[in-house]
C-alpha atoms as a PDB file:
ATOM      1  CA  UNK A   1     126.374 117.955 137.974  1.00  0.00           C
ATOM      2  CA  UNK A   2     126.515 115.541 135.209  1.00  0.00           C
ATOM      3  CA  UNK A   3     124.996 116.799 131.875  1.00  0.00           C
ATOM      4  CA  UNK A   4     121.743 115.406 130.410  1.00  0.00           C
ATOM      5  CA  UNK A   5     122.457 113.486 127.182  1.00  0.00           C
ATOM      6  CA  UNK A   6     119.655 111.402 124.856  1.00  0.00           C
ATOM      7  CA  UNK A   7     119.570 107.605 124.764  1.00  0.00           C
ATOM      8  CA  UNK A   8     120.603 107.678 121.280  1.00  0.00           C
ATOM      9  CA  UNK A   9     123.431 109.757 121.827  1.00  0.00           C
ATOM     10  CA  UNK A  10     124.468 108.054 125.074  1.00  0.00           C
ATOM     11  CA  UNK A  11     124.427 104.775 123.096  1.00  0.00           C
ATOM     12  CA  UNK A  12     126.710 106.398 119.653  1.00  0.00           C
ATOM     13  CA  UNK A  13     129.295 108.053 121.880  1.00  0.00           C
ATOM     14  CA  UNK A  14     130.250 104.576 124.018  1.00  0.00           C
ATOM     15  CA  UNK A  15     130.032 101.844 121.247  1.00  0.00           C
ATOM     16  CA  UNK A  16     129.709 103.331 117.719  1.00  0.00           C
ATOM     17  CA  UNK A  17     130.393 100.514 115.554  1.00  0.00           C
ATOM     18  CA  UNK A  18     127.280  98.789 116.851  1.00  0.00           C
ATOM     19  CA  UNK A  19     124.856 101.576 115.463  1.00  0.00           C
ATOM     20  CA  UNK A  20     127.144 101.914 112.045  1.00  0.00           C
ATOM     21  CA  UNK A  21     124.775 101.034 108.940  1.00  0.00           C
ATOM     22  CA  UNK A  22     125.504 100.117 105.820  1.00  0.00           C
ATOM     23  CA  UNK A  23     125.410 102.752 103.367  1.00  0.00           C
ATOM     24  CA  UNK A  24     123.755 100.946 100.538  1.00  0.00           C
ATOM     25  CA  UNK A  25     121.430  99.130 103.237  1.00  0.00           C
ATOM     26  CA  UNK A  26     120.304 102.724 104.480  1.00  0.00           C
ATOM     27  CA  UNK A  27     119.668 103.837 100.945  1.00  0.00           C
ATOM     28  CA  UNK A  28     117.695 101.372  99.497  1.00  0.00           C
ATOM     29  CA  UNK A  29     115.327 101.459 102.825  1.00  0.00           C
ATOM     30  CA  UNK A  30     115.271 105.628 102.310  1.00  0.00           C
ATOM     31  CA  UNK A  31     112.750 105.356  99.595  1.00  0.00           C
ATOM     32  CA  UNK A  32     110.292 103.322 101.629  1.00  0.00           C
ATOM     33  CA  UNK A  33     110.400 105.877 104.547  1.00  0.00           C
ATOM     34  CA  UNK A  34     110.148 108.982 102.348  1.00  0.00           C
ATOM     35  CA  UNK A  35     106.902 107.435 100.844  1.00  0.00           C
ATOM     36  CA  UNK A  36     105.258 106.361 104.175  1.00  0.00           C
ATOM     37  CA  UNK A  37     106.117 109.620 105.339  1.00  0.00           C
ATOM     38  CA  UNK A  38     104.379 111.414 102.443  1.00  0.00           C
ATOM     39  CA  UNK A  39     101.691 108.988 102.624  1.00  0.00           C
ATOM     40  CA  UNK A  40     101.071 109.844 106.390  1.00  0.00           C
ATOM     41  CA  UNK A  41     101.138 113.513 105.118  1.00  0.00           C
ATOM     42  CA  UNK A  42      98.346 113.404 102.418  1.00  0.00           C
ATOM     43  CA  UNK A  43      96.214 111.338 104.873  1.00  0.00           C
ATOM     44  CA  UNK A  44      96.456 113.843 107.446  1.00  0.00           C
ATOM     45  CA  UNK A  45      95.566 116.391 104.871  1.00  0.00           C
ATOM     46  CA  UNK A  46      92.896 114.840 103.844  1.00  0.00           C
ATOM     47  CA  UNK A  47      91.635 114.337 107.311  1.00  0.00           C
ATOM     48  CA  UNK A  48      91.918 117.723 108.154  1.00  0.00           C
ATOM     49  CA  UNK A  49      90.213 118.849 105.232  1.00  0.00           C
ATOM     50  CA  UNK A  50      87.195 116.814 105.705  1.00  0.00           C
ATOM     51  CA  UNK A  51      87.003 117.345 109.673  1.00  0.00           C
ATOM     52  CA  UNK A  52      87.258 113.317 110.062  1.00  0.00           C
ATOM     53  CA  UNK A  53      89.547 113.895 112.450  1.00  0.00           C
ATOM     54  CA  UNK A  54      87.043 115.127 114.994  1.00  0.00           C
ATOM     55  CA  UNK A  55      85.333 111.462 114.597  1.00  0.00           C
ATOM     56  CA  UNK A  56      85.497 108.386 116.521  1.00  0.00           C
ATOM     57  CA  UNK A  57      88.098 105.965 114.710  1.00  0.00           C
ATOM     58  CA  UNK A  58      85.349 103.560 114.054  1.00  0.00           C
ATOM     59  CA  UNK A  59      82.800 106.485 112.819  1.00  0.00           C
ATOM     60  CA  UNK A  60      86.312 107.649 110.727  1.00  0.00           C
ATOM     61  CA  UNK A  61      86.426 104.268 109.314  1.00  0.00           C
ATOM     62  CA  UNK A  62      82.589 103.754 108.390  1.00  0.00           C
ATOM     63  CA  UNK A  63      82.849 107.411 106.247  1.00  0.00           C
ATOM     64  CA  UNK A  64      85.906 106.592 104.591  1.00  0.00           C
ATOM     65  CA  UNK A  65      84.298 103.327 103.445  1.00  0.00           C
ATOM     66  CA  UNK A  66      81.268 105.166 102.335  1.00  0.00           C
ATOM     67  CA  UNK A  67      83.415 107.655 100.704  1.00  0.00           C
ATOM     68  CA  UNK A  68      85.456 104.869  98.522  1.00  0.00           C
ATOM     69  CA  UNK A  69      82.191 102.958  97.649  1.00  0.00           C
ATOM     70  CA  UNK A  70      80.989 105.726  96.334  1.00  0.00           C
ATOM     71  CA  UNK A  71      83.880 106.325  93.681  1.00  0.00           C
ATOM     72  CA  UNK A  72      84.015 102.960  93.285  1.00  0.00           C
ATOM     73  CA  UNK A  73      80.438 102.934  91.879  1.00  0.00           C
ATOM     74  CA  UNK A  74      81.220 105.673  90.282  1.00  0.00           C
ATOM     75  CA  UNK A  75      84.112 104.356  88.482  1.00  0.00           C
ATOM     76  CA  UNK A  76      82.633 100.962  87.506  1.00  0.00           C
ATOM     77  CA  UNK A  77      79.718 102.879  86.447  1.00  0.00           C
ATOM     78  CA  UNK A  78      81.969 104.733  83.821  1.00  0.00           C
ATOM     79  CA  UNK A  79      84.056 102.538  82.292  1.00  0.00           C
ATOM     80  CA  UNK A  80      80.733  99.940  82.218  1.00  0.00           C
ATOM     81  CA  UNK A  81      78.142 102.719  80.378  1.00  0.00           C
ATOM     82  CA  UNK A  82      80.531 105.542  78.787  1.00  0.00           C
ATOM     83  CA  UNK A  83      81.640 103.444  76.140  1.00  0.00           C
ATOM     84  CA  UNK A  84      78.641 102.279  74.804  1.00  0.00           C
ATOM     85  CA  UNK A  85      76.872 105.614  75.023  1.00  0.00           C
ATOM     86  CA  UNK A  86      79.923 107.621  73.329  1.00  0.00           C
ATOM     87  CA  UNK A  87      79.866 104.628  70.612  1.00  0.00           C
ATOM     88  CA  UNK A  88      75.973 105.671  70.156  1.00  0.00           C
ATOM     89  CA  UNK A  89      76.784 109.401  70.120  1.00  0.00           C
ATOM     90  CA  UNK A  90      79.433 108.869  67.372  1.00  0.00           C
ATOM     91  CA  UNK A  91      77.513 106.771  65.563  1.00  0.00           C
ATOM     92  CA  UNK A  92      74.750 109.159  65.128  1.00  0.00           C
ATOM     93  CA  UNK A  93      77.133 112.074  64.291  1.00  0.00           C
ATOM     94  CA  UNK A  94      78.976 110.592  62.108  1.00  0.00           C
ATOM     95  CA  UNK A  95      75.876 108.959  59.820  1.00  0.00           C
ATOM     96  CA  UNK A  96      74.359 112.746  60.053  1.00  0.00           C
ATOM     97  CA  UNK A  97      77.561 114.572  59.125  1.00  0.00           C
ATOM     98  CA  UNK A  98      77.912 111.575  56.067  1.00  0.00           C
ATOM     99  CA  UNK A  99      74.537 112.160  55.163  1.00  0.00           C
ATOM    100  CA  UNK A 100      74.967 116.100  54.667  1.00  0.00           C
ATOM    101  CA  UNK A 101      78.262 115.438  53.233  1.00  0.00           C
ATOM    102  CA  UNK A 102      77.051 113.332  50.876  1.00  0.00           C
ATOM    103  CA  UNK A 103      73.860 115.235  49.742  1.00  0.00           C
END
């Protein structure tokens, strides 16, 4: 009776020179795989939290697109309109405070 081994185990045991990699090259590519795994983890958490995992792929794309569009519009309006309103509020508060301080 023969023992079963995985494909990679059999390849490394028979010819180990082929599968040896350069340590420096492996370390340089490790950050990419770690980042990819982290992004996949956060995406899965997002799908589970928002229950998007039960939708069809096209429905998921539609809902995520609408969600991103709404975030983009809020961000755009914050950069465009908030500085104007903050400037007007500070202008009115400083002028009122200055008038009270002088009188």
